[in-house]
Amino acid sequence: MKPKSKNIFWEHGEVGRIDRERTNGQRGATIWFTGLSGSGKSTLARQLESVLFGRGFRSYILDGDNVRHGLNRDLGFSPEDRTENIRRIGEVARLFTDAGTIAITAFISPYRADRDMVRALMRKGDFIEVFVDCALEICESRDPKGLYKKARAGTIPEFTGISAPYEVPLSAELVIRTDEMSPAECIERLLNYLETNGYFSPTSDLPASV
């Protein structure tokens, strides 16, 4: 989406992304958790951030509910508002990534087109889609916020998995089954992916951003 105004220009600072990555000792990236409500997205996001922080890496969680308290407080849950919600947070995640930070997002983000839109904002390798796969009945049995009960009762319209669709990722970088794996096993898979793909390379060997 192009800006409405034609009289704006992108300003480049004196410090570039590669400079920040070398200082941070890590590569910037966006880890995009997607899945049904109750699948474990926020739990994994918090645990991953804690582990990364403990290892001295820079990361920050962009959580769906938290963002809707401020930046996206004007948006509801219609298909159009869901798309705008994801577009805005995608732009924020891109800035975090450019800053050499690992942005960790936890959004249902039910539509493939919206997730692909965010991927298209990023450079190759910056966007790591993680499908947090969990059977609907398990998600519903957890129901940490009581949302499924309200959706079943008809008091929450357009609720993903009940009265609104969820489009399963077709080519996610990672698929994590939280109904089959322990939280520790899930985090280990995530860390292995990041380490194997060079996001935690030694400072002198950090891959150039492409």
N, C-alpha and C. Protein backbone atom coordinates (compact mmCIF):
# COMPACT_ATOMS: atom_id res chain seq x y z
N MET A 1 0.85 -1.20 0.00
CA MET A 1 0.00 0.00 0.00
C MET A 1 0.88 1.25 0.00
N LYS A 2 0.68 2.10 -0.98
CA LYS A 2 1.48 3.31 -1.09
C LYS A 2 0.91 4.41 -0.19
N PRO A 3 1.78 5.28 0.36
CA PRO A 3 1.30 6.41 1.16
C PRO A 3 0.41 7.33 0.33
N LYS A 4 -0.55 7.95 0.97
CA LYS A 4 -1.43 8.88 0.27
C LYS A 4 -0.67 10.10 -0.21
N SER A 5 0.24 10.58 0.62
CA SER A 5 1.02 11.76 0.25
C SER A 5 2.18 11.38 -0.66
N LYS A 6 2.45 12.22 -1.65
CA LYS A 6 3.56 11.98 -2.56
C LYS A 6 4.81 12.76 -2.14
N ASN A 7 4.67 13.55 -1.10
CA ASN A 7 5.78 14.42 -0.70
C ASN A 7 6.50 13.92 0.54
N ILE A 8 6.66 12.60 0.65
CA ILE A 8 7.40 12.03 1.76
C ILE A 8 8.48 11.11 1.20
N PHE A 9 9.60 11.06 1.93
CA PHE A 9 10.75 10.30 1.45
C PHE A 9 11.35 9.52 2.61
N TRP A 10 11.83 8.31 2.32
CA TRP A 10 12.44 7.48 3.35
C TRP A 10 13.81 8.04 3.71
N GLU A 11 14.02 8.30 5.00
CA GLU A 11 15.29 8.85 5.47
C GLU A 11 16.18 7.74 6.01
N HIS A 12 17.41 7.69 5.54
CA HIS A 12 18.38 6.70 6.01
C HIS A 12 19.28 7.33 7.06
N GLY A 13 19.47 6.61 8.18
CA GLY A 13 20.31 7.13 9.25
C GLY A 13 21.78 6.84 9.01
N GLU A 14 22.60 7.30 9.93
CA GLU A 14 24.04 7.07 9.84
C GLU A 14 24.41 5.64 10.24
N VAL A 15 23.55 5.02 11.03
CA VAL A 15 23.80 3.65 11.49
C VAL A 15 22.91 2.71 10.69
N GLY A 16 23.50 1.74 10.04
CA GLY A 16 22.75 0.81 9.21
C GLY A 16 22.38 -0.47 9.93
N ARG A 17 21.57 -1.26 9.28
CA ARG A 17 21.11 -2.51 9.88
C ARG A 17 22.27 -3.45 10.19
N ILE A 18 23.19 -3.60 9.28
CA ILE A 18 24.32 -4.52 9.51
C ILE A 18 25.14 -4.05 10.70
N ASP A 19 25.29 -2.73 10.87
CA ASP A 19 26.00 -2.20 12.04
C ASP A 19 25.31 -2.64 13.33
N ARG A 20 23.97 -2.53 13.33
CA ARG A 20 23.23 -2.90 14.54
C ARG A 20 23.30 -4.41 14.79
N GLU A 21 23.23 -5.19 13.71
CA GLU A 21 23.31 -6.64 13.88
C GLU A 21 24.65 -7.08 14.43
N ARG A 22 25.72 -6.45 13.96
CA ARG A 22 27.04 -6.81 14.46
C ARG A 22 27.19 -6.42 15.93
N THR A 23 26.64 -5.28 16.30
CA THR A 23 26.70 -4.85 17.70
C THR A 23 25.87 -5.78 18.58
N ASN A 24 24.69 -6.18 18.06
CA ASN A 24 23.80 -7.05 18.83
C ASN A 24 24.27 -8.49 18.87
N GLY A 25 25.10 -8.89 17.91
CA GLY A 25 25.54 -10.28 17.85
C GLY A 25 24.43 -11.22 17.43
N GLN A 26 23.53 -10.74 16.62
CA GLN A 26 22.40 -11.54 16.14
C GLN A 26 21.88 -10.92 14.86
N ARG A 27 21.09 -11.67 14.15
CA ARG A 27 20.43 -11.15 12.96
C ARG A 27 19.00 -10.75 13.31
N GLY A 28 18.54 -9.64 12.80
CA GLY A 28 17.16 -9.23 13.00
C GLY A 28 16.20 -10.16 12.28
N ALA A 29 15.05 -10.39 12.88
CA ALA A 29 14.06 -11.28 12.27
C ALA A 29 12.71 -11.05 12.93
N THR A 30 11.67 -11.51 12.25
CA THR A 30 10.32 -11.51 12.82
C THR A 30 9.85 -12.95 12.91
N ILE A 31 9.58 -13.40 14.12
CA ILE A 31 9.02 -14.74 14.34
C ILE A 31 7.53 -14.57 14.47
N TRP A 32 6.80 -15.06 13.48
CA TRP A 32 5.35 -14.80 13.40
C TRP A 32 4.58 -16.06 13.81
N PHE A 33 4.16 -16.09 15.08
CA PHE A 33 3.33 -17.19 15.56
C PHE A 33 1.91 -16.99 15.06
N THR A 34 1.34 -18.00 14.46
CA THR A 34 -0.05 -17.96 14.00
C THR A 34 -0.75 -19.25 14.39
N GLY A 35 -2.02 -19.14 14.74
CA GLY A 35 -2.78 -20.32 15.14
C GLY A 35 -4.05 -19.90 15.86
N LEU A 36 -4.86 -20.88 16.17
CA LEU A 36 -6.13 -20.61 16.84
C LEU A 36 -5.93 -20.03 18.23
N SER A 37 -6.97 -19.37 18.73
CA SER A 37 -6.97 -18.92 20.11
C SER A 37 -6.84 -20.14 21.02
N GLY A 38 -5.93 -20.08 21.98
CA GLY A 38 -5.73 -21.21 22.88
C GLY A 38 -4.73 -22.23 22.39
N SER A 39 -4.15 -21.99 21.23
CA SER A 39 -3.19 -22.96 20.68
C SER A 39 -1.84 -22.90 21.39
N GLY A 40 -1.55 -21.78 22.04
CA GLY A 40 -0.29 -21.65 22.76
C GLY A 40 0.65 -20.60 22.22
N LYS A 41 0.16 -19.74 21.32
CA LYS A 41 1.02 -18.72 20.70
C LYS A 41 1.66 -17.80 21.74
N SER A 42 0.85 -17.21 22.59
CA SER A 42 1.37 -16.25 23.56
C SER A 42 2.28 -16.93 24.58
N THR A 43 1.94 -18.15 24.96
CA THR A 43 2.78 -18.89 25.91
C THR A 43 4.16 -19.13 25.33
N LEU A 44 4.20 -19.60 24.08
CA LEU A 44 5.49 -19.83 23.43
C LEU A 44 6.26 -18.54 23.22
N ALA A 45 5.54 -17.47 22.85
CA ALA A 45 6.20 -16.18 22.65
C ALA A 45 6.88 -15.70 23.93
N ARG A 46 6.16 -15.80 25.05
CA ARG A 46 6.73 -15.36 26.32
C ARG A 46 7.93 -16.21 26.72
N GLN A 47 7.81 -17.53 26.55
CA GLN A 47 8.90 -18.41 26.94
C GLN A 47 10.12 -18.21 26.04
N LEU A 48 9.88 -18.03 24.75
CA LEU A 48 10.99 -17.80 23.84
C LEU A 48 11.71 -16.50 24.18
N GLU A 49 10.94 -15.44 24.44
CA GLU A 49 11.55 -14.17 24.80
C GLU A 49 12.40 -14.32 26.06
N SER A 50 11.90 -15.06 27.03
CA SER A 50 12.63 -15.26 28.28
C SER A 50 13.95 -15.98 28.04
N VAL A 51 13.92 -17.01 27.21
CA VAL A 51 15.14 -17.76 26.92
C VAL A 51 16.14 -16.88 26.17
N LEU A 52 15.65 -16.15 25.17
CA LEU A 52 16.54 -15.28 24.40
C LEU A 52 17.15 -14.20 25.29
N PHE A 53 16.34 -13.62 26.16
CA PHE A 53 16.85 -12.60 27.07
C PHE A 53 17.93 -13.18 27.97
N GLY A 54 17.68 -14.40 28.47
CA GLY A 54 18.66 -15.05 29.33
C GLY A 54 19.97 -15.31 28.63
N ARG A 55 19.94 -15.44 27.32
CA ARG A 55 21.17 -15.67 26.54
C ARG A 55 21.79 -14.37 26.03
N GLY A 56 21.17 -13.25 26.39
CA GLY A 56 21.74 -11.97 26.02
C GLY A 56 21.31 -11.44 24.67
N PHE A 57 20.26 -12.02 24.08
CA PHE A 57 19.78 -11.56 22.78
C PHE A 57 18.67 -10.54 22.95
N ARG A 58 18.53 -9.68 21.95
CA ARG A 58 17.52 -8.62 21.99
C ARG A 58 16.27 -9.07 21.25
N SER A 59 15.16 -9.07 21.96
CA SER A 59 13.89 -9.46 21.36
C SER A 59 12.77 -8.69 22.03
N TYR A 60 11.60 -8.70 21.37
CA TYR A 60 10.44 -8.01 21.94
C TYR A 60 9.17 -8.66 21.41
N ILE A 61 8.20 -8.87 22.31
CA ILE A 61 6.93 -9.49 21.93
C ILE A 61 5.92 -8.43 21.50
N LEU A 62 5.32 -8.66 20.36
CA LEU A 62 4.18 -7.85 19.91
C LEU A 62 2.96 -8.76 20.00
N ASP A 63 2.20 -8.63 21.08
CA ASP A 63 1.08 -9.52 21.33
C ASP A 63 -0.23 -8.92 20.82
N GLY A 64 -1.10 -9.79 20.32
CA GLY A 64 -2.34 -9.34 19.71
C GLY A 64 -3.19 -8.46 20.61
N ASP A 65 -3.46 -8.91 21.84
CA ASP A 65 -4.29 -8.14 22.75
C ASP A 65 -3.61 -6.84 23.15
N ASN A 66 -2.30 -6.90 23.40
CA ASN A 66 -1.58 -5.69 23.81
C ASN A 66 -1.64 -4.61 22.74
N VAL A 67 -1.45 -5.02 21.49
CA VAL A 67 -1.47 -4.05 20.38
C VAL A 67 -2.85 -3.42 20.23
N ARG A 68 -3.89 -4.21 20.50
CA ARG A 68 -5.25 -3.69 20.39
C ARG A 68 -5.61 -2.74 21.52
N HIS A 69 -4.79 -2.67 22.54
CA HIS A 69 -5.00 -1.68 23.60
C HIS A 69 -4.53 -0.29 23.19
N GLY A 70 -3.65 -0.22 22.19
CA GLY A 70 -3.10 1.08 21.81
C GLY A 70 -3.12 1.32 20.32
N LEU A 71 -2.10 0.85 19.64
CA LEU A 71 -1.94 1.11 18.21
C LEU A 71 -3.18 0.77 17.41
N ASN A 72 -3.81 -0.35 17.72
CA ASN A 72 -4.96 -0.82 16.93
C ASN A 72 -6.26 -0.80 17.73
N ARG A 73 -6.38 0.13 18.64
CA ARG A 73 -7.56 0.20 19.48
C ARG A 73 -8.82 0.58 18.69
N ASP A 74 -8.64 1.13 17.51
CA ASP A 74 -9.77 1.54 16.69
C ASP A 74 -10.29 0.43 15.79
N LEU A 75 -9.70 -0.76 15.86
CA LEU A 75 -10.07 -1.85 14.96
C LEU A 75 -10.88 -2.93 15.67
N GLY A 76 -11.84 -3.49 14.93
CA GLY A 76 -12.63 -4.61 15.44
C GLY A 76 -12.14 -5.92 14.86
N PHE A 77 -13.07 -6.84 14.59
CA PHE A 77 -12.69 -8.17 14.12
C PHE A 77 -13.38 -8.54 12.81
N SER A 78 -13.82 -7.54 12.08
CA SER A 78 -14.33 -7.82 10.74
C SER A 78 -13.15 -8.23 9.86
N PRO A 79 -13.39 -8.88 8.74
CA PRO A 79 -12.28 -9.25 7.85
C PRO A 79 -11.41 -8.05 7.47
N GLU A 80 -12.05 -6.91 7.22
CA GLU A 80 -11.31 -5.71 6.84
C GLU A 80 -10.43 -5.21 8.00
N ASP A 81 -11.00 -5.22 9.20
CA ASP A 81 -10.23 -4.75 10.36
C ASP A 81 -9.12 -5.73 10.71
N ARG A 82 -9.37 -7.01 10.53
CA ARG A 82 -8.31 -7.99 10.78
C ARG A 82 -7.12 -7.75 9.84
N THR A 83 -7.43 -7.48 8.58
CA THR A 83 -6.37 -7.21 7.61
C THR A 83 -5.58 -5.97 7.98
N GLU A 84 -6.26 -4.90 8.37
CA GLU A 84 -5.57 -3.67 8.75
C GLU A 84 -4.77 -3.88 10.04
N ASN A 85 -5.29 -4.67 10.95
CA ASN A 85 -4.58 -5.01 12.18
C ASN A 85 -3.24 -5.65 11.85
N ILE A 86 -3.26 -6.62 10.96
CA ILE A 86 -2.03 -7.32 10.59
C ILE A 86 -1.10 -6.42 9.79
N ARG A 87 -1.66 -5.59 8.92
CA ARG A 87 -0.81 -4.69 8.13
C ARG A 87 -0.02 -3.76 9.05
N ARG A 88 -0.70 -3.18 10.02
CA ARG A 88 -0.03 -2.24 10.92
C ARG A 88 1.06 -2.94 11.73
N ILE A 89 0.73 -4.09 12.29
CA ILE A 89 1.73 -4.76 13.12
C ILE A 89 2.87 -5.29 12.26
N GLY A 90 2.57 -5.63 11.00
CA GLY A 90 3.64 -6.04 10.11
C GLY A 90 4.64 -4.92 9.88
N GLU A 91 4.14 -3.71 9.74
CA GLU A 91 5.03 -2.57 9.56
C GLU A 91 5.88 -2.33 10.81
N VAL A 92 5.27 -2.47 11.98
CA VAL A 92 6.01 -2.31 13.23
C VAL A 92 7.08 -3.41 13.35
N ALA A 93 6.70 -4.64 13.05
CA ALA A 93 7.66 -5.75 13.12
C ALA A 93 8.82 -5.54 12.17
N ARG A 94 8.53 -4.98 11.01
CA ARG A 94 9.59 -4.71 10.04
C ARG A 94 10.60 -3.71 10.61
N LEU A 95 10.12 -2.69 11.32
CA LEU A 95 11.03 -1.72 11.92
C LEU A 95 11.88 -2.36 13.01
N PHE A 96 11.27 -3.21 13.84
CA PHE A 96 12.03 -3.93 14.86
C PHE A 96 13.11 -4.79 14.21
N THR A 97 12.75 -5.46 13.13
CA THR A 97 13.69 -6.33 12.43
C THR A 97 14.84 -5.53 11.85
N ASP A 98 14.52 -4.37 11.28
CA ASP A 98 15.55 -3.50 10.72
C ASP A 98 16.49 -3.00 11.81
N ALA A 99 15.98 -2.90 13.04
CA ALA A 99 16.80 -2.47 14.17
C ALA A 99 17.68 -3.59 14.70
N GLY A 100 17.64 -4.75 14.05
CA GLY A 100 18.47 -5.87 14.48
C GLY A 100 17.91 -6.63 15.65
N THR A 101 16.63 -6.43 15.93
CA THR A 101 15.95 -7.09 17.04
C THR A 101 15.16 -8.28 16.52
N ILE A 102 14.95 -9.27 17.36
CA ILE A 102 14.06 -10.38 17.01
C ILE A 102 12.66 -10.02 17.50
N ALA A 103 11.80 -9.67 16.58
CA ALA A 103 10.41 -9.36 16.91
C ALA A 103 9.63 -10.67 16.98
N ILE A 104 8.94 -10.87 18.08
CA ILE A 104 8.15 -12.08 18.28
C ILE A 104 6.69 -11.68 18.31
N THR A 105 5.91 -12.13 17.34
CA THR A 105 4.51 -11.74 17.29
C THR A 105 3.61 -12.93 17.60
N ALA A 106 2.51 -12.65 18.27
CA ALA A 106 1.54 -13.69 18.62
C ALA A 106 0.15 -13.21 18.22
N PHE A 107 -0.24 -13.52 16.99
CA PHE A 107 -1.53 -13.11 16.45
C PHE A 107 -2.21 -14.32 15.82
N ILE A 108 -3.51 -14.40 15.96
CA ILE A 108 -4.23 -15.46 15.26
C ILE A 108 -3.96 -15.33 13.77
N SER A 109 -4.03 -14.11 13.25
CA SER A 109 -3.80 -13.82 11.82
C SER A 109 -4.34 -14.94 10.94
N PRO A 110 -5.66 -15.05 10.84
CA PRO A 110 -6.28 -16.23 10.23
C PRO A 110 -6.19 -16.33 8.71
N TYR A 111 -5.86 -15.21 8.03
CA TYR A 111 -5.90 -15.23 6.57
C TYR A 111 -4.51 -15.33 5.96
N ARG A 112 -4.33 -16.27 5.03
CA ARG A 112 -3.04 -16.44 4.36
C ARG A 112 -2.59 -15.16 3.67
N ALA A 113 -3.53 -14.51 3.00
CA ALA A 113 -3.17 -13.30 2.25
C ALA A 113 -2.57 -12.24 3.17
N ASP A 114 -3.09 -12.13 4.39
CA ASP A 114 -2.57 -11.14 5.33
C ASP A 114 -1.16 -11.51 5.78
N ARG A 115 -0.95 -12.79 6.06
CA ARG A 115 0.39 -13.23 6.48
C ARG A 115 1.39 -13.07 5.33
N ASP A 116 0.93 -13.38 4.13
CA ASP A 116 1.81 -13.21 2.95
C ASP A 116 2.12 -11.73 2.72
N MET A 117 1.18 -10.87 3.04
CA MET A 117 1.40 -9.43 2.92
C MET A 117 2.55 -9.00 3.82
N VAL A 118 2.58 -9.51 5.04
CA VAL A 118 3.66 -9.16 5.96
C VAL A 118 4.98 -9.74 5.47
N ARG A 119 4.94 -10.98 5.00
CA ARG A 119 6.15 -11.61 4.48
C ARG A 119 6.74 -10.75 3.35
N ALA A 120 5.86 -10.21 2.51
CA ALA A 120 6.31 -9.41 1.36
C ALA A 120 6.97 -8.10 1.80
N LEU A 121 6.67 -7.63 3.02
CA LEU A 121 7.30 -6.42 3.53
C LEU A 121 8.76 -6.64 3.89
N MET A 122 9.09 -7.91 4.16
CA MET A 122 10.40 -8.24 4.72
C MET A 122 11.39 -8.67 3.64
N ARG A 123 12.65 -8.59 3.98
CA ARG A 123 13.69 -9.15 3.13
C ARG A 123 13.69 -10.68 3.29
N LYS A 124 14.30 -11.36 2.33
CA LYS A 124 14.37 -12.80 2.38
C LYS A 124 15.05 -13.25 3.67
N GLY A 125 14.40 -14.17 4.37
CA GLY A 125 14.94 -14.70 5.61
C GLY A 125 14.53 -13.95 6.85
N ASP A 126 13.88 -12.79 6.69
CA ASP A 126 13.48 -11.99 7.85
C ASP A 126 12.20 -12.50 8.51
N PHE A 127 11.34 -13.13 7.72
CA PHE A 127 10.01 -13.51 8.20
C PHE A 127 9.98 -15.02 8.45
N ILE A 128 9.77 -15.40 9.69
CA ILE A 128 9.73 -16.81 10.08
C ILE A 128 8.32 -17.12 10.55
N GLU A 129 7.56 -17.76 9.67
CA GLU A 129 6.18 -18.10 10.01
C GLU A 129 6.17 -19.40 10.80
N VAL A 130 5.58 -19.36 11.99
CA VAL A 130 5.49 -20.54 12.85
C VAL A 130 4.02 -20.85 13.08
N PHE A 131 3.57 -21.95 12.49
CA PHE A 131 2.19 -22.38 12.66
C PHE A 131 2.09 -23.17 13.95
N VAL A 132 1.40 -22.59 14.94
CA VAL A 132 1.18 -23.27 16.22
C VAL A 132 -0.08 -24.11 16.05
N ASP A 133 0.14 -25.36 15.71
CA ASP A 133 -0.93 -26.27 15.34
C ASP A 133 -1.46 -26.97 16.59
N CYS A 134 -2.76 -26.92 16.77
CA CYS A 134 -3.38 -27.56 17.92
C CYS A 134 -4.84 -27.84 17.57
N ALA A 135 -5.30 -29.05 17.87
CA ALA A 135 -6.66 -29.43 17.54
C ALA A 135 -7.66 -28.47 18.20
N LEU A 136 -8.72 -28.14 17.45
CA LEU A 136 -9.72 -27.20 17.95
C LEU A 136 -10.28 -27.63 19.31
N GLU A 137 -10.54 -28.91 19.47
CA GLU A 137 -11.12 -29.35 20.74
C GLU A 137 -10.17 -29.14 21.91
N ILE A 138 -8.86 -29.22 21.65
CA ILE A 138 -7.89 -28.95 22.71
C ILE A 138 -7.85 -27.46 23.02
N CYS A 139 -7.82 -26.65 21.98
CA CYS A 139 -7.86 -25.19 22.18
C CYS A 139 -9.10 -24.79 22.97
N GLU A 140 -10.21 -25.41 22.60
CA GLU A 140 -11.47 -25.07 23.26
C GLU A 140 -11.50 -25.54 24.70
N SER A 141 -10.86 -26.66 24.97
CA SER A 141 -10.83 -27.17 26.35
C SER A 141 -9.95 -26.30 27.24
N ARG A 142 -8.94 -25.67 26.64
CA ARG A 142 -8.10 -24.76 27.42
C ARG A 142 -8.85 -23.46 27.69
N ASP A 143 -9.34 -22.84 26.63
CA ASP A 143 -10.17 -21.63 26.69
C ASP A 143 -9.75 -20.68 27.82
N PRO A 144 -8.49 -20.23 27.82
CA PRO A 144 -7.98 -19.44 28.95
C PRO A 144 -8.74 -18.15 29.22
N LYS A 145 -9.39 -17.59 28.19
CA LYS A 145 -10.10 -16.33 28.36
C LYS A 145 -11.63 -16.50 28.32
N GLY A 146 -12.09 -17.74 28.22
CA GLY A 146 -13.52 -17.98 28.15
C GLY A 146 -14.15 -17.54 26.85
N LEU A 147 -13.33 -17.40 25.80
CA LEU A 147 -13.83 -16.86 24.54
C LEU A 147 -14.63 -17.89 23.74
N TYR A 148 -14.20 -19.13 23.78
CA TYR A 148 -14.92 -20.16 23.02
C TYR A 148 -16.34 -20.34 23.55
N LYS A 149 -16.49 -20.28 24.86
CA LYS A 149 -17.83 -20.41 25.44
C LYS A 149 -18.73 -19.28 24.96
N LYS A 150 -18.18 -18.08 24.93
CA LYS A 150 -18.96 -16.94 24.47
C LYS A 150 -19.28 -17.06 22.98
N ALA A 151 -18.30 -17.56 22.22
CA ALA A 151 -18.52 -17.73 20.78
C ALA A 151 -19.60 -18.78 20.52
N ARG A 152 -19.55 -19.87 21.25
CA ARG A 152 -20.56 -20.92 21.10
C ARG A 152 -21.94 -20.41 21.48
N ALA A 153 -21.97 -19.48 22.43
CA ALA A 153 -23.24 -18.91 22.88
C ALA A 153 -23.72 -17.81 21.94
N GLY A 154 -22.89 -17.42 20.99
CA GLY A 154 -23.28 -16.40 20.04
C GLY A 154 -23.05 -14.98 20.49
N THR A 155 -22.35 -14.81 21.62
CA THR A 155 -22.13 -13.46 22.12
C THR A 155 -20.87 -12.81 21.53
N ILE A 156 -20.01 -13.63 20.91
CA ILE A 156 -18.85 -13.09 20.20
C ILE A 156 -19.00 -13.48 18.73
N PRO A 157 -19.32 -12.52 17.87
CA PRO A 157 -19.44 -12.84 16.44
C PRO A 157 -18.07 -12.92 15.78
N GLU A 158 -18.01 -13.59 14.65
CA GLU A 158 -16.79 -13.66 13.84
C GLU A 158 -15.59 -14.14 14.66
N PHE A 159 -15.80 -15.24 15.40
CA PHE A 159 -14.73 -15.80 16.22
C PHE A 159 -14.03 -16.91 15.45
N THR A 160 -12.73 -16.77 15.28
CA THR A 160 -11.96 -17.71 14.46
C THR A 160 -12.06 -19.14 14.99
N GLY A 161 -12.37 -20.05 14.09
CA GLY A 161 -12.49 -21.46 14.44
C GLY A 161 -13.91 -21.88 14.75
N ILE A 162 -14.77 -20.90 15.05
CA ILE A 162 -16.17 -21.19 15.35
C ILE A 162 -17.07 -20.57 14.30
N SER A 163 -17.06 -19.26 14.18
CA SER A 163 -17.93 -18.58 13.23
C SER A 163 -17.14 -17.78 12.18
N ALA A 164 -15.83 -17.92 12.20
CA ALA A 164 -14.97 -17.29 11.20
C ALA A 164 -13.86 -18.27 10.86
N PRO A 165 -13.36 -18.24 9.64
CA PRO A 165 -12.40 -19.25 9.19
C PRO A 165 -10.98 -19.00 9.68
N TYR A 166 -10.20 -20.09 9.73
CA TYR A 166 -8.76 -20.00 9.90
C TYR A 166 -8.12 -20.72 8.73
N GLU A 167 -7.27 -20.04 7.99
CA GLU A 167 -6.61 -20.61 6.82
C GLU A 167 -5.22 -21.10 7.22
N VAL A 168 -5.06 -22.41 7.22
CA VAL A 168 -3.81 -23.04 7.65
C VAL A 168 -2.66 -22.63 6.73
N PRO A 169 -1.49 -22.28 7.27
CA PRO A 169 -0.34 -21.96 6.43
C PRO A 169 0.03 -23.14 5.52
N LEU A 170 0.43 -22.81 4.30
CA LEU A 170 0.80 -23.85 3.34
C LEU A 170 2.31 -24.07 3.28
N SER A 171 3.08 -23.08 3.71
CA SER A 171 4.53 -23.22 3.63
C SER A 171 5.23 -22.51 4.78
N ALA A 172 4.75 -22.77 5.99
CA ALA A 172 5.37 -22.15 7.17
C ALA A 172 6.79 -22.67 7.36
N GLU A 173 7.65 -21.82 7.89
CA GLU A 173 9.01 -22.27 8.18
C GLU A 173 9.03 -23.36 9.25
N LEU A 174 8.09 -23.26 10.19
CA LEU A 174 8.00 -24.26 11.25
C LEU A 174 6.54 -24.57 11.55
N VAL A 175 6.26 -25.84 11.83
CA VAL A 175 4.96 -26.25 12.34
C VAL A 175 5.20 -26.90 13.70
N ILE A 176 4.56 -26.36 14.72
CA ILE A 176 4.76 -26.85 16.08
C ILE A 176 3.43 -27.34 16.63
N ARG A 177 3.37 -28.61 16.98
CA ARG A 177 2.15 -29.22 17.51
C ARG A 177 2.16 -29.12 19.03
N THR A 178 1.46 -28.12 19.54
CA THR A 178 1.44 -27.93 20.99
C THR A 178 0.53 -28.93 21.70
N ASP A 179 -0.26 -29.70 20.94
CA ASP A 179 -1.07 -30.74 21.56
C ASP A 179 -0.33 -32.08 21.58
N GLU A 180 0.90 -32.08 21.05
CA GLU A 180 1.71 -33.30 21.04
C GLU A 180 3.08 -33.12 21.69
N MET A 181 3.51 -31.87 21.82
CA MET A 181 4.83 -31.57 22.35
C MET A 181 4.72 -30.73 23.62
N SER A 182 5.69 -30.89 24.50
CA SER A 182 5.73 -30.07 25.72
C SER A 182 6.24 -28.68 25.35
N PRO A 183 5.96 -27.68 26.19
CA PRO A 183 6.49 -26.34 25.92
C PRO A 183 8.00 -26.34 25.75
N ALA A 184 8.69 -27.12 26.56
CA ALA A 184 10.16 -27.17 26.46
C ALA A 184 10.59 -27.72 25.11
N GLU A 185 9.91 -28.74 24.62
CA GLU A 185 10.23 -29.31 23.31
C GLU A 185 9.97 -28.30 22.20
N CYS A 186 8.89 -27.54 22.33
CA CYS A 186 8.56 -26.51 21.33
C CYS A 186 9.64 -25.45 21.27
N ILE A 187 10.07 -24.98 22.44
CA ILE A 187 11.10 -23.95 22.49
C ILE A 187 12.41 -24.48 21.92
N GLU A 188 12.73 -25.73 22.20
CA GLU A 188 13.95 -26.32 21.67
C GLU A 188 13.93 -26.35 20.15
N ARG A 189 12.79 -26.67 19.56
CA ARG A 189 12.67 -26.67 18.10
C ARG A 189 12.89 -25.28 17.54
N LEU A 190 12.32 -24.29 18.20
CA LEU A 190 12.47 -22.91 17.74
C LEU A 190 13.93 -22.47 17.81
N LEU A 191 14.59 -22.76 18.93
CA LEU A 191 15.99 -22.38 19.09
C LEU A 191 16.88 -23.09 18.07
N ASN A 192 16.59 -24.37 17.83
CA ASN A 192 17.38 -25.11 16.85
C ASN A 192 17.25 -24.49 15.47
N TYR A 193 16.03 -24.06 15.12
CA TYR A 193 15.83 -23.43 13.82
C TYR A 193 16.65 -22.14 13.71
N LEU A 194 16.57 -21.31 14.74
CA LEU A 194 17.28 -20.03 14.71
C LEU A 194 18.79 -20.23 14.65
N GLU A 195 19.29 -21.18 15.43
CA GLU A 195 20.73 -21.43 15.45
C GLU A 195 21.20 -22.03 14.12
N THR A 196 20.44 -23.00 13.62
CA THR A 196 20.82 -23.67 12.38
C THR A 196 20.85 -22.71 11.20
N ASN A 197 19.95 -21.73 11.22
CA ASN A 197 19.84 -20.80 10.10
C ASN A 197 20.62 -19.50 10.30
N GLY A 198 21.49 -19.47 11.29
CA GLY A 198 22.44 -18.38 11.41
C GLY A 198 21.97 -17.10 12.08
N TYR A 199 20.85 -17.15 12.76
CA TYR A 199 20.38 -15.93 13.43
C TYR A 199 21.20 -15.63 14.68
N PHE A 200 21.90 -16.63 15.19
CA PHE A 200 22.74 -16.46 16.37
C PHE A 200 24.20 -16.69 16.03
N SER A 201 24.60 -16.40 14.80
CA SER A 201 25.99 -16.60 14.41
C SER A 201 26.90 -15.69 15.23
N PRO A 202 28.19 -16.08 15.36
CA PRO A 202 29.15 -15.19 16.04
C PRO A 202 29.18 -13.83 15.36
N THR A 203 29.49 -12.80 16.11
CA THR A 203 29.45 -11.44 15.58
C THR A 203 30.23 -11.28 14.29
N SER A 204 31.42 -11.88 14.21
CA SER A 204 32.25 -11.68 13.03
C SER A 204 31.74 -12.43 11.81
N ASP A 205 30.84 -13.39 12.06
CA ASP A 205 30.36 -14.21 10.97
C ASP A 205 28.89 -13.97 10.63
N LEU A 206 28.31 -12.88 11.14
CA LEU A 206 26.91 -12.62 10.87
C LEU A 206 26.66 -12.51 9.37
N PRO A 207 25.61 -13.18 8.86
CA PRO A 207 25.32 -13.09 7.44
C PRO A 207 24.86 -11.69 7.06
N ALA A 208 25.27 -11.24 5.90
CA ALA A 208 24.79 -9.93 5.41
C ALA A 208 23.32 -10.02 5.14
N SER A 209 22.57 -8.98 5.48
CA SER A 209 21.14 -8.96 5.20
C SER A 209 20.94 -8.94 3.70
N VAL A 210 19.99 -9.72 3.19
CA VAL A 210 19.76 -9.80 1.76
C VAL A 210 18.42 -9.22 1.40
